[in-house]
C-alpha atoms as a PDB file:
ATOM      1  CA  MET A   1       1.421  33.231  -0.724  1.00  0.00           C
ATOM      2  CA  LYS A   2       4.661  32.741   1.169  1.00  0.00           C
ATOM      3  CA  ASP A   3       2.828  32.829   4.506  1.00  0.00           C
ATOM      4  CA  ASP A   4       0.408  30.151   3.297  1.00  0.00           C
ATOM      5  CA  ILE A   5       3.263  27.831   2.359  1.00  0.00           C
ATOM      6  CA  ASN A   6       5.051  28.467   5.648  1.00  0.00           C
ATOM      7  CA  SER A   7       1.882  27.678   7.574  1.00  0.00           C
ATOM      8  CA  LEU A   8       1.652  24.319   5.771  1.00  0.00           C
ATOM      9  CA  LEU A   9       5.285  23.463   6.455  1.00  0.00           C
ATOM     10  CA  THR A  10       5.155  23.380  10.210  1.00  0.00           C
ATOM     11  CA  ASP A  11       7.934  22.136  12.447  1.00  0.00           C
ATOM     12  CA  ASN A  12       5.494  21.223  15.187  1.00  0.00           C
ATOM     13  CA  PRO A  13       4.686  17.479  14.973  1.00  0.00           C
ATOM     14  CA  ASP A  14       1.885  17.860  17.532  1.00  0.00           C
ATOM     15  CA  SER A  15      -0.251  19.582  14.920  1.00  0.00           C
ATOM     16  CA  LEU A  16       0.012  16.497  12.670  1.00  0.00           C
ATOM     17  CA  LYS A  17      -1.619  13.953  14.967  1.00  0.00           C
ATOM     18  CA  TRP A  18      -3.255  10.904  13.451  1.00  0.00           C
ATOM     19  CA  SER A  19      -6.271   9.318  15.020  1.00  0.00           C
ATOM     20  CA  GLU A  20      -5.912   5.710  16.115  1.00  0.00           C
ATOM     21  CA  ASN A  21      -8.651   4.716  13.691  1.00  0.00           C
ATOM     22  CA  GLN A  22      -6.685   6.157  10.776  1.00  0.00           C
ATOM     23  CA  VAL A  23      -3.520   4.301  11.771  1.00  0.00           C
ATOM     24  CA  PHE A  24      -5.475   1.042  12.131  1.00  0.00           C
ATOM     25  CA  TRP A  25      -7.018   1.288   8.653  1.00  0.00           C
ATOM     26  CA  MET A  26      -3.771   2.311   6.990  1.00  0.00           C
ATOM     27  CA  GLY A  27      -1.927  -0.598   8.622  1.00  0.00           C
ATOM     28  CA  SER A  28      -4.690  -3.032   7.731  1.00  0.00           C
ATOM     29  CA  ALA A  29      -4.720  -1.888   4.101  1.00  0.00           C
ATOM     30  CA  LEU A  30      -0.935  -2.216   3.886  1.00  0.00           C
ATOM     31  CA  ILE A  31      -0.988  -5.760   5.272  1.00  0.00           C
ATOM     32  CA  PHE A  32      -3.940  -6.751   3.057  1.00  0.00           C
ATOM     33  CA  PHE A  33      -2.353  -5.502  -0.166  1.00  0.00           C
ATOM     34  CA  ASN A  34       0.966  -7.077   0.782  1.00  0.00           C
ATOM     35  CA  LEU A  35      -0.720 -10.463   1.302  1.00  0.00           C
ATOM     36  CA  VAL A  36      -2.607 -10.151  -1.997  1.00  0.00           C
ATOM     37  CA  LEU A  37       0.642  -9.378  -3.791  1.00  0.00           C
ATOM     38  CA  MET A  38       2.477 -12.315  -2.189  1.00  0.00           C
ATOM     39  CA  CYS A  39      -0.354 -14.761  -2.981  1.00  0.00           C
ATOM     40  CA  SER A  40      -0.610 -13.537  -6.565  1.00  0.00           C
ATOM     41  CA  LEU A  41       3.123 -13.896  -7.063  1.00  0.00           C
ATOM     42  CA  SER A  42       3.101 -17.378  -5.534  1.00  0.00           C
ATOM     43  CA  PHE A  43       0.265 -18.489  -7.802  1.00  0.00           C
ATOM     44  CA  TYR A  44       2.032 -16.952 -10.796  1.00  0.00           C
ATOM     45  CA  TRP A  45       5.211 -18.925 -10.111  1.00  0.00           C
ATOM     46  CA  MET A  46       3.734 -22.243  -8.982  1.00  0.00           C
ATOM     47  CA  ASN A  47       0.424 -22.659 -10.818  1.00  0.00           C
ATOM     48  CA  PRO A  48       0.870 -23.242 -14.565  1.00  0.00           C
ATOM     49  CA  SER A  49      -2.708 -22.370 -15.475  1.00  0.00           C
ATOM     50  CA  PHE A  50      -2.587 -19.072 -13.530  1.00  0.00           C
ATOM     51  CA  HIS A  51       0.772 -18.247 -15.111  1.00  0.00           C
ATOM     52  CA  GLN A  52      -0.627 -18.882 -18.576  1.00  0.00           C
ATOM     53  CA  TYR A  53      -3.739 -16.811 -17.788  1.00  0.00           C
ATOM     54  CA  ILE A  54      -1.620 -13.803 -16.772  1.00  0.00           C
ATOM     55  CA  SER A  55       1.263 -14.000 -19.225  1.00  0.00           C
ATOM     56  CA  GLY A  56      -0.249 -15.928 -22.126  1.00  0.00           C
ATOM     57  CA  LYS A  57       2.750 -18.297 -22.138  1.00  0.00           C
ATOM     58  CA  PRO A  58       3.007 -21.697 -20.479  1.00  0.00           C
ATOM     59  CA  LEU A  59       5.548 -22.249 -17.732  1.00  0.00           C
END
């Protein structure tokens, strides 16, 4: 059991290489969700009907 855990916790960063495709999709997803969050927050603050739809209270 101890050997299995030690094999997972390696100090060699070369064994943890990411493919370029993986990095691209992770970065794209991060940017996409960040933009969705910023747009949603902007609509929530500036659009009274969207604010009322989300919160149930008028601005």
